[in-house]
């Protein structure tokens, strides 16, 4: 059984929806763009800023706001990095 099969399970899909639900709303697209960039850059602030085309302090500010929205830590341990990566991946492989 591969990871995508596990991520397609209804319980996992429900979990993923709960993880990402706070990003639905007016800030949703920008929040998701920031999250995807941060995850794609393996949680590194400098590369995330470059990916988004903003300064490092600007990226830090976006991630801090995202932490507030998600009520999860991104910049300090324990980080929600892997949980959020799995949640986004689960959304991508919906049955």
PDB file of N, CA and C in Angstrom:
ATOM      1  N   UNK A   1       0.842  -1.180   0.000  1.00  0.00           N
ATOM      2  CA  UNK A   1       0.000   0.000   0.000  1.00  0.00           C
ATOM      3  C   UNK A   1       0.889   1.247   0.000  1.00  0.00           C
ATOM      4  N   UNK A   2       0.608   2.171  -0.913  1.00  0.00           N
ATOM      5  CA  UNK A   2       1.444   3.363  -0.961  1.00  0.00           C
ATOM      6  C   UNK A   2       0.791   4.523  -0.195  1.00  0.00           C
ATOM      7  N   UNK A   3       1.559   5.585  -0.029  1.00  0.00           N
ATOM      8  CA  UNK A   3       1.105   6.732   0.753  1.00  0.00           C
ATOM      9  C   UNK A   3      -0.172   7.339   0.189  1.00  0.00           C
ATOM     10  N   UNK A   4      -0.265   7.468  -1.137  1.00  0.00           N
ATOM     11  CA  UNK A   4      -1.465   8.062  -1.730  1.00  0.00           C
ATOM     12  C   UNK A   4      -2.719   7.265  -1.383  1.00  0.00           C
ATOM     13  N   UNK A   5      -2.613   5.942  -1.355  1.00  0.00           N
ATOM     14  CA  UNK A   5      -3.764   5.107  -0.976  1.00  0.00           C
ATOM     15  C   UNK A   5      -4.194   5.418   0.450  1.00  0.00           C
ATOM     16  N   UNK A   6      -3.235   5.544   1.344  1.00  0.00           N
ATOM     17  CA  UNK A   6      -3.542   5.867   2.744  1.00  0.00           C
ATOM     18  C   UNK A   6      -4.182   7.250   2.826  1.00  0.00           C
ATOM     19  N   UNK A   7      -3.655   8.202   2.071  1.00  0.00           N
ATOM     20  CA  UNK A   7      -4.175   9.570   2.115  1.00  0.00           C
ATOM     21  C   UNK A   7      -5.570   9.695   1.526  1.00  0.00           C
ATOM     22  N   UNK A   8      -5.992   8.731   0.731  1.00  0.00           N
ATOM     23  CA  UNK A   8      -7.347   8.741   0.153  1.00  0.00           C
ATOM     24  C   UNK A   8      -8.406   8.219   1.112  1.00  0.00           C
ATOM     25  N   UNK A   9      -8.008   7.616   2.192  1.00  0.00           N
ATOM     26  CA  UNK A   9      -8.988   7.061   3.136  1.00  0.00           C
ATOM     27  C   UNK A   9      -9.872   8.185   3.689  1.00  0.00           C
ATOM     28  N   UNK A  10     -11.162   7.908   3.863  1.00  0.00           N
ATOM     29  CA  UNK A  10     -12.086   8.943   4.346  1.00  0.00           C
ATOM     30  C   UNK A  10     -11.651   9.596   5.662  1.00  0.00           C
ATOM     31  N   UNK A  11     -11.151   8.826   6.595  1.00  0.00           N
ATOM     32  CA  UNK A  11     -10.727   9.400   7.880  1.00  0.00           C
ATOM     33  C   UNK A  11      -9.555  10.355   7.694  1.00  0.00           C
ATOM     34  N   UNK A  12      -8.647  10.024   6.787  1.00  0.00           N
ATOM     35  CA  UNK A  12      -7.490  10.878   6.524  1.00  0.00           C
ATOM     36  C   UNK A  12      -7.939  12.132   5.791  1.00  0.00           C
ATOM     37  N   UNK A  13      -8.862  11.991   4.848  1.00  0.00           N
ATOM     38  CA  UNK A  13      -9.392  13.149   4.136  1.00  0.00           C
ATOM     39  C   UNK A  13     -10.084  14.112   5.108  1.00  0.00           C
ATOM     40  N   UNK A  14     -10.833  13.559   6.049  1.00  0.00           N
ATOM     41  CA  UNK A  14     -11.496  14.391   7.057  1.00  0.00           C
ATOM     42  C   UNK A  14     -10.458  15.111   7.925  1.00  0.00           C
ATOM     43  N   UNK A  15      -9.429  14.391   8.341  1.00  0.00           N
ATOM     44  CA  UNK A  15      -8.351  14.993   9.142  1.00  0.00           C
ATOM     45  C   UNK A  15      -7.693  16.135   8.367  1.00  0.00           C
ATOM     46  N   UNK A  16      -7.386  15.892   7.086  1.00  0.00           N
ATOM     47  CA  UNK A  16      -6.732  16.908   6.255  1.00  0.00           C
ATOM     48  C   UNK A  16      -7.613  18.149   6.133  1.00  0.00           C
ATOM     49  N   UNK A  17      -8.890  17.951   5.942  1.00  0.00           N
ATOM     50  CA  UNK A  17      -9.815  19.089   5.841  1.00  0.00           C
ATOM     51  C   UNK A  17      -9.819  19.911   7.115  1.00  0.00           C
ATOM     52  N   UNK A  18      -9.791  19.234   8.252  1.00  0.00           N
ATOM     53  CA  UNK A  18      -9.760  19.958   9.544  1.00  0.00           C
ATOM     54  C   UNK A  18      -8.462  20.742   9.690  1.00  0.00           C
ATOM     55  N   UNK A  19      -7.344  20.161   9.249  1.00  0.00           N
ATOM     56  CA  UNK A  19      -6.055  20.843   9.364  1.00  0.00           C
ATOM     57  C   UNK A  19      -6.024  22.130   8.554  1.00  0.00           C
ATOM     58  N   UNK A  20      -6.618  22.104   7.373  1.00  0.00           N
ATOM     59  CA  UNK A  20      -6.519  23.218   6.442  1.00  0.00           C
ATOM     60  C   UNK A  20      -7.724  24.150   6.474  1.00  0.00           C
ATOM     61  N   UNK A  21      -8.771  23.780   7.201  1.00  0.00           N
ATOM     62  CA  UNK A  21      -9.996  24.581   7.257  1.00  0.00           C
ATOM     63  C   UNK A  21      -9.764  26.041   7.646  1.00  0.00           C
ATOM     64  N   UNK A  22      -8.869  26.335   8.586  1.00  0.00           N
ATOM     65  CA  UNK A  22      -8.682  27.744   8.941  1.00  0.00           C
ATOM     66  C   UNK A  22      -8.200  28.616   7.779  1.00  0.00           C
ATOM     67  N   UNK A  23      -7.681  28.014   6.734  1.00  0.00           N
ATOM     68  CA  UNK A  23      -7.188  28.807   5.609  1.00  0.00           C
ATOM     69  C   UNK A  23      -8.280  29.136   4.604  1.00  0.00           C
ATOM     70  N   UNK A  24      -9.503  28.655   4.835  1.00  0.00           N
ATOM     71  CA  UNK A  24     -10.599  29.027   3.948  1.00  0.00           C
ATOM     72  C   UNK A  24     -11.121  30.379   4.403  1.00  0.00           C
ATOM     73  N   UNK A  25     -11.257  31.276   3.491  1.00  0.00           N
ATOM     74  CA  UNK A  25     -11.680  32.632   3.821  1.00  0.00           C
ATOM     75  C   UNK A  25     -10.931  33.617   2.961  1.00  0.00           C
ATOM     76  N   UNK A  26     -11.019  34.898   3.301  1.00  0.00           N
ATOM     77  CA  UNK A  26     -10.412  35.922   2.456  1.00  0.00           C
ATOM     78  C   UNK A  26      -8.900  35.767   2.281  1.00  0.00           C
ATOM     79  N   UNK A  27      -8.205  35.324   3.300  1.00  0.00           N
ATOM     80  CA  UNK A  27      -6.751  35.191   3.208  1.00  0.00           C
ATOM     81  C   UNK A  27      -6.345  33.836   2.647  1.00  0.00           C
ATOM     82  N   UNK A  28      -7.300  32.986   2.335  1.00  0.00           N
ATOM     83  CA  UNK A  28      -7.024  31.622   1.919  1.00  0.00           C
ATOM     84  C   UNK A  28      -5.997  31.451   0.819  1.00  0.00           C
ATOM     85  N   UNK A  29      -6.184  32.075  -0.367  1.00  0.00           N
ATOM     86  CA  UNK A  29      -5.210  31.867  -1.443  1.00  0.00           C
ATOM     87  C   UNK A  29      -3.797  32.323  -1.073  1.00  0.00           C
ATOM     88  N   UNK A  30      -3.671  33.475  -0.427  1.00  0.00           N
ATOM     89  CA  UNK A  30      -2.338  33.964  -0.032  1.00  0.00           C
ATOM     90  C   UNK A  30      -1.745  33.073   1.046  1.00  0.00           C
ATOM     91  N   UNK A  31      -2.584  32.630   1.976  1.00  0.00           N
ATOM     92  CA  UNK A  31      -2.104  31.756   3.043  1.00  0.00           C
ATOM     93  C   UNK A  31      -1.617  30.434   2.464  1.00  0.00           C
ATOM     94  N   UNK A  32      -2.377  29.882   1.528  1.00  0.00           N
ATOM     95  CA  UNK A  32      -1.974  28.610   0.937  1.00  0.00           C
ATOM     96  C   UNK A  32      -0.707  28.778   0.103  1.00  0.00           C
ATOM     97  N   UNK A  33      -0.591  29.883  -0.619  1.00  0.00           N
ATOM     98  CA  UNK A  33       0.628  30.146  -1.399  1.00  0.00           C
ATOM     99  C   UNK A  33       1.849  30.202  -0.478  1.00  0.00           C
ATOM    100  N   UNK A  34       1.692  30.901   0.644  1.00  0.00           N
ATOM    101  CA  UNK A  34       2.788  31.010   1.609  1.00  0.00           C
ATOM    102  C   UNK A  34       3.137  29.641   2.177  1.00  0.00           C
ATOM    103  N   UNK A  35       2.123  28.881   2.564  1.00  0.00           N
ATOM    104  CA  UNK A  35       2.354  27.557   3.133  1.00  0.00           C
ATOM    105  C   UNK A  35       3.039  26.633   2.123  1.00  0.00           C
ATOM    106  N   UNK A  36       2.559  26.627   0.896  1.00  0.00           N
ATOM    107  CA  UNK A  36       3.162  25.761  -0.125  1.00  0.00           C
ATOM    108  C   UNK A  36       4.610  26.154  -0.401  1.00  0.00           C
ATOM    109  N   UNK A  37       4.885  27.452  -0.457  1.00  0.00           N
ATOM    110  CA  UNK A  37       6.262  27.907  -0.678  1.00  0.00           C
ATOM    111  C   UNK A  37       7.148  27.470   0.477  1.00  0.00           C
ATOM    112  N   UNK A  38       6.671  27.656   1.703  1.00  0.00           N
ATOM    113  CA  UNK A  38       7.449  27.299   2.892  1.00  0.00           C
ATOM    114  C   UNK A  38       7.725  25.797   2.926  1.00  0.00           C
ATOM    115  N   UNK A  39       6.708  25.007   2.632  1.00  0.00           N
ATOM    116  CA  UNK A  39       6.894  23.554   2.614  1.00  0.00           C
ATOM    117  C   UNK A  39       7.819  23.143   1.474  1.00  0.00           C
ATOM    118  N   UNK A  40       7.658  23.764   0.307  1.00  0.00           N
ATOM    119  CA  UNK A  40       8.504  23.448  -0.835  1.00  0.00           C
ATOM    120  C   UNK A  40       9.965  23.798  -0.594  1.00  0.00           C
ATOM    121  N   UNK A  41      10.198  24.760   0.275  1.00  0.00           N
ATOM    122  CA  UNK A  41      11.575  25.173   0.620  1.00  0.00           C
ATOM    123  C   UNK A  41      12.052  24.501   1.897  1.00  0.00           C
ATOM    124  N   UNK A  42      11.351  23.416   2.269  1.00  0.00           N
ATOM    125  CA  UNK A  42      11.733  22.592   3.418  1.00  0.00           C
ATOM    126  C   UNK A  42      11.804  23.388   4.720  1.00  0.00           C
ATOM    127  N   UNK A  43      10.894  24.356   4.858  1.00  0.00           N
ATOM    128  CA  UNK A  43      10.813  25.114   6.107  1.00  0.00           C
ATOM    129  C   UNK A  43      11.931  26.118   6.301  1.00  0.00           C
ATOM    130  N   UNK A  44      12.653  26.444   5.241  1.00  0.00           N
ATOM    131  CA  UNK A  44      13.759  27.406   5.346  1.00  0.00           C
ATOM    132  C   UNK A  44      13.247  28.792   4.959  1.00  0.00           C
ATOM    133  N   UNK A  45      13.504  29.750   5.815  1.00  0.00           N
ATOM    134  CA  UNK A  45      12.956  31.091   5.667  1.00  0.00           C
ATOM    135  C   UNK A  45      13.527  31.846   4.462  1.00  0.00           C
ATOM    136  N   UNK A  46      14.842  31.845   4.275  1.00  0.00           N
ATOM    137  CA  UNK A  46      15.459  32.565   3.161  1.00  0.00           C
ATOM    138  C   UNK A  46      14.948  32.111   1.806  1.00  0.00           C
ATOM    139  N   UNK A  47      15.000  30.806   1.525  1.00  0.00           N
ATOM    140  CA  UNK A  47      14.476  30.322   0.250  1.00  0.00           C
ATOM    141  C   UNK A  47      12.972  30.583   0.084  1.00  0.00           C
ATOM    142  N   UNK A  48      12.218  30.524   1.191  1.00  0.00           N
ATOM    143  CA  UNK A  48      10.787  30.813   1.113  1.00  0.00           C
ATOM    144  C   UNK A  48      10.570  32.252   0.679  1.00  0.00           C
ATOM    145  N   UNK A  49      11.310  33.178   1.272  1.00  0.00           N
ATOM    146  CA  UNK A  49      11.202  34.587   0.905  1.00  0.00           C
ATOM    147  C   UNK A  49      11.525  34.763  -0.582  1.00  0.00           C
ATOM    148  N   UNK A  50      12.591  34.125  -1.045  1.00  0.00           N
ATOM    149  CA  UNK A  50      12.970  34.228  -2.454  1.00  0.00           C
ATOM    150  C   UNK A  50      11.869  33.660  -3.352  1.00  0.00           C
ATOM    151  N   UNK A  51      11.319  32.537  -2.970  1.00  0.00           N
ATOM    152  CA  UNK A  51      10.250  31.898  -3.744  1.00  0.00           C
ATOM    153  C   UNK A  51       9.035  32.814  -3.861  1.00  0.00           C
ATOM    154  N   UNK A  52       8.720  33.512  -2.773  1.00  0.00           N
ATOM    155  CA  UNK A  52       7.565  34.416  -2.760  1.00  0.00           C
ATOM    156  C   UNK A  52       7.889  35.790  -3.334  1.00  0.00           C
ATOM    157  N   UNK A  53       9.168  36.062  -3.546  1.00  0.00           N
ATOM    158  CA  UNK A  53       9.572  37.361  -4.076  1.00  0.00           C
ATOM    159  C   UNK A  53       9.433  38.485  -3.065  1.00  0.00           C
ATOM    160  N   UNK A  54       9.656  38.150  -1.792  1.00  0.00           N
ATOM    161  CA  UNK A  54       9.553  39.144  -0.725  1.00  0.00           C
ATOM    162  C   UNK A  54      10.800  39.068   0.155  1.00  0.00           C
ATOM    163  N   UNK A  55      10.913  39.996   1.091  1.00  0.00           N
ATOM    164  CA  UNK A  55      12.060  39.998   2.002  1.00  0.00           C
ATOM    165  C   UNK A  55      11.916  38.885   3.042  1.00  0.00           C
ATOM    166  N   UNK A  56      13.019  38.554   3.689  1.00  0.00           N
ATOM    167  CA  UNK A  56      12.985  37.556   4.763  1.00  0.00           C
ATOM    168  C   UNK A  56      12.066  38.029   5.900  1.00  0.00           C
ATOM    169  N   UNK A  57      12.172  39.303   6.349  1.00  0.00           N
ATOM    170  CA  UNK A  57      11.227  39.742   7.386  1.00  0.00           C
ATOM    171  C   UNK A  57       9.764  39.668   6.922  1.00  0.00           C
ATOM    172  N   UNK A  58       9.533  39.922   5.637  1.00  0.00           N
ATOM    173  CA  UNK A  58       8.170  39.811   5.102  1.00  0.00           C
ATOM    174  C   UNK A  58       7.678  38.374   5.140  1.00  0.00           C
ATOM    175  N   UNK A  59       8.552  37.443   4.788  1.00  0.00           N
ATOM    176  CA  UNK A  59       8.180  36.025   4.834  1.00  0.00           C
ATOM    177  C   UNK A  59       7.924  35.592   6.274  1.00  0.00           C
ATOM    178  N   UNK A  60       8.770  36.047   7.189  1.00  0.00           N
ATOM    179  CA  UNK A  60       8.589  35.712   8.606  1.00  0.00           C
ATOM    180  C   UNK A  60       7.223  36.233   9.094  1.00  0.00           C
ATOM    181  N   UNK A  61       6.885  37.451   8.675  1.00  0.00           N
ATOM    182  CA  UNK A  61       5.610  38.051   9.086  1.00  0.00           C
ATOM    183  C   UNK A  61       4.433  37.240   8.533  1.00  0.00           C
ATOM    184  N   UNK A  62       4.533  36.837   7.272  1.00  0.00           N
ATOM    185  CA  UNK A  62       3.470  36.009   6.683  1.00  0.00           C
ATOM    186  C   UNK A  62       3.320  34.688   7.436  1.00  0.00           C
ATOM    187  N   UNK A  63       4.448  34.065   7.739  1.00  0.00           N
ATOM    188  CA  UNK A  63       4.396  32.783   8.445  1.00  0.00           C
ATOM    189  C   UNK A  63       3.876  32.944   9.863  1.00  0.00           C
ATOM    190  N   UNK A  64       4.209  34.053  10.497  1.00  0.00           N
ATOM    191  CA  UNK A  64       3.685  34.320  11.841  1.00  0.00           C
ATOM    192  C   UNK A  64       2.169  34.490  11.795  1.00  0.00           C
ATOM    193  N   UNK A  65       1.687  35.205  10.780  1.00  0.00           N
ATOM    194  CA  UNK A  65       0.222  35.356  10.620  1.00  0.00           C
ATOM    195  C   UNK A  65      -0.420  33.999  10.342  1.00  0.00           C
ATOM    196  N   UNK A  66       0.245  33.188   9.531  1.00  0.00           N
ATOM    197  CA  UNK A  66      -0.268  31.856   9.217  1.00  0.00           C
ATOM    198  C   UNK A  66      -0.318  30.981  10.468  1.00  0.00           C
ATOM    199  N   UNK A  67       0.683  31.108  11.323  1.00  0.00           N
ATOM    200  CA  UNK A  67       0.663  30.375  12.604  1.00  0.00           C
ATOM    201  C   UNK A  67      -0.580  30.746  13.408  1.00  0.00           C
ATOM    202  N   UNK A  68      -0.917  32.019  13.412  1.00  0.00           N
ATOM    203  CA  UNK A  68      -2.094  32.480  14.146  1.00  0.00           C
ATOM    204  C   UNK A  68      -3.368  31.895  13.545  1.00  0.00           C
ATOM    205  N   UNK A  69      -3.459  31.926  12.226  1.00  0.00           N
ATOM    206  CA  UNK A  69      -4.641  31.389  11.541  1.00  0.00           C
ATOM    207  C   UNK A  69      -4.793  29.896  11.809  1.00  0.00           C
ATOM    208  N   UNK A  70      -3.695  29.174  11.670  1.00  0.00           N
ATOM    209  CA  UNK A  70      -3.735  27.713  11.831  1.00  0.00           C
ATOM    210  C   UNK A  70      -3.712  27.269  13.295  1.00  0.00           C
ATOM    211  N   UNK A  71      -3.314  28.185  14.171  1.00  0.00           N
ATOM    212  CA  UNK A  71      -3.122  27.862  15.590  1.00  0.00           C
ATOM    213  C   UNK A  71      -2.146  26.700  15.743  1.00  0.00           C
ATOM    214  N   UNK A  72      -1.098  26.759  14.922  1.00  0.00           N
ATOM    215  CA  UNK A  72      -0.049  25.740  14.917  1.00  0.00           C
ATOM    216  C   UNK A  72       1.288  26.440  14.761  1.00  0.00           C
ATOM    217  N   UNK A  73       2.330  25.855  15.289  1.00  0.00           N
ATOM    218  CA  UNK A  73       3.673  26.407  15.164  1.00  0.00           C
ATOM    219  C   UNK A  73       4.277  26.037  13.814  1.00  0.00           C
ATOM    220  N   UNK A  74       4.871  27.022  13.156  1.00  0.00           N
ATOM    221  CA  UNK A  74       5.585  26.780  11.909  1.00  0.00           C
ATOM    222  C   UNK A  74       7.067  27.105  12.064  1.00  0.00           C
ATOM    223  N   UNK A  75       7.353  28.174  12.772  1.00  0.00           N
ATOM    224  CA  UNK A  75       8.726  28.660  12.869  1.00  0.00           C
ATOM    225  C   UNK A  75       9.484  28.126  14.078  1.00  0.00           C
ATOM    226  N   UNK A  76       8.763  27.607  15.057  1.00  0.00           N
ATOM    227  CA  UNK A  76       9.407  27.087  16.269  1.00  0.00           C
ATOM    228  C   UNK A  76       8.994  25.636  16.493  1.00  0.00           C
ATOM    229  N   UNK A  77       9.899  24.844  17.039  1.00  0.00           N
ATOM    230  CA  UNK A  77       9.534  23.453  17.339  1.00  0.00           C
ATOM    231  C   UNK A  77       8.524  23.383  18.483  1.00  0.00           C
ATOM    232  N   UNK A  78       7.660  22.425  18.521  1.00  0.00           N
ATOM    233  CA  UNK A  78       7.433  21.436  17.463  1.00  0.00           C
ATOM    234  C   UNK A  78       6.651  22.077  16.320  1.00  0.00           C
ATOM    235  N   UNK A  79       7.115  21.863  15.129  1.00  0.00           N
ATOM    236  CA  UNK A  79       6.525  22.463  13.937  1.00  0.00           C
ATOM    237  C   UNK A  79       5.433  21.557  13.369  1.00  0.00           C
ATOM    238  N   UNK A  80       4.451  22.186  12.776  1.00  0.00           N
ATOM    239  CA  UNK A  80       3.368  21.452  12.121  1.00  0.00           C
ATOM    240  C   UNK A  80       3.715  21.136  10.668  1.00  0.00           C
ATOM    241  N   UNK A  81       4.967  21.306  10.312  1.00  0.00           N
ATOM    242  CA  UNK A  81       5.400  21.171   8.919  1.00  0.00           C
ATOM    243  C   UNK A  81       4.947  19.866   8.266  1.00  0.00           C
ATOM    244  N   UNK A  82       5.206  18.763   8.891  1.00  0.00           N
ATOM    245  CA  UNK A  82       4.883  17.473   8.272  1.00  0.00           C
ATOM    246  C   UNK A  82       3.381  17.218   8.250  1.00  0.00           C
ATOM    247  N   UNK A  83       2.693  17.602   9.308  1.00  0.00           N
ATOM    248  CA  UNK A  83       1.232  17.466   9.327  1.00  0.00           C
ATOM    249  C   UNK A  83       0.609  18.227   8.172  1.00  0.00           C
ATOM    250  N   UNK A  84       1.055  19.464   7.977  1.00  0.00           N
ATOM    251  CA  UNK A  84       0.472  20.302   6.935  1.00  0.00           C
ATOM    252  C   UNK A  84       0.854  19.805   5.544  1.00  0.00           C
ATOM    253  N   UNK A  85       2.053  19.283   5.383  1.00  0.00           N
ATOM    254  CA  UNK A  85       2.441  18.714   4.090  1.00  0.00           C
ATOM    255  C   UNK A  85       1.531  17.533   3.759  1.00  0.00           C
ATOM    256  N   UNK A  86       1.313  16.669   4.739  1.00  0.00           N
ATOM    257  CA  UNK A  86       0.436  15.512   4.517  1.00  0.00           C
ATOM    258  C   UNK A  86      -0.998  15.948   4.227  1.00  0.00           C
ATOM    259  N   UNK A  87      -1.474  16.966   4.920  1.00  0.00           N
ATOM    260  CA  UNK A  87      -2.836  17.451   4.692  1.00  0.00           C
ATOM    261  C   UNK A  87      -2.985  17.999   3.272  1.00  0.00           C
ATOM    262  N   UNK A  88      -2.019  18.799   2.817  1.00  0.00           N
ATOM    263  CA  UNK A  88      -2.080  19.308   1.443  1.00  0.00           C
ATOM    264  C   UNK A  88      -1.993  18.181   0.429  1.00  0.00           C
ATOM    265  N   UNK A  89      -1.140  17.209   0.681  1.00  0.00           N
ATOM    266  CA  UNK A  89      -1.011  16.061  -0.229  1.00  0.00           C
ATOM    267  C   UNK A  89      -2.308  15.267  -0.277  1.00  0.00           C
ATOM    268  N   UNK A  90      -2.953  15.094   0.865  1.00  0.00           N
ATOM    269  CA  UNK A  90      -4.223  14.374   0.911  1.00  0.00           C
ATOM    270  C   UNK A  90      -5.274  15.081   0.057  1.00  0.00           C
ATOM    271  N   UNK A  91      -5.282  16.400   0.088  1.00  0.00           N
ATOM    272  CA  UNK A  91      -6.230  17.145  -0.738  1.00  0.00           C
ATOM    273  C   UNK A  91      -5.952  16.932  -2.218  1.00  0.00           C
ATOM    274  N   UNK A  92      -4.696  16.793  -2.578  1.00  0.00           N
ATOM    275  CA  UNK A  92      -4.326  16.615  -3.980  1.00  0.00           C
ATOM    276  C   UNK A  92      -4.697  15.249  -4.521  1.00  0.00           C
ATOM    277  N   UNK A  93      -4.766  14.228  -3.680  1.00  0.00           N
ATOM    278  CA  UNK A  93      -5.026  12.854  -4.151  1.00  0.00           C
ATOM    279  C   UNK A  93      -6.440  12.400  -3.853  1.00  0.00           C
ATOM    280  N   UNK A  94      -7.338  13.327  -3.634  1.00  0.00           N
ATOM    281  CA  UNK A  94      -8.731  12.945  -3.325  1.00  0.00           C
ATOM    282  C   UNK A  94      -9.211  11.915  -4.323  1.00  0.00           C
ATOM    283  N   UNK A  95     -10.016  10.966  -3.824  1.00  0.00           N
ATOM    284  CA  UNK A  95     -10.515   9.920  -4.720  1.00  0.00           C
ATOM    285  C   UNK A  95     -11.409  10.458  -5.824  1.00  0.00           C
TER     286      UNK A  95
END
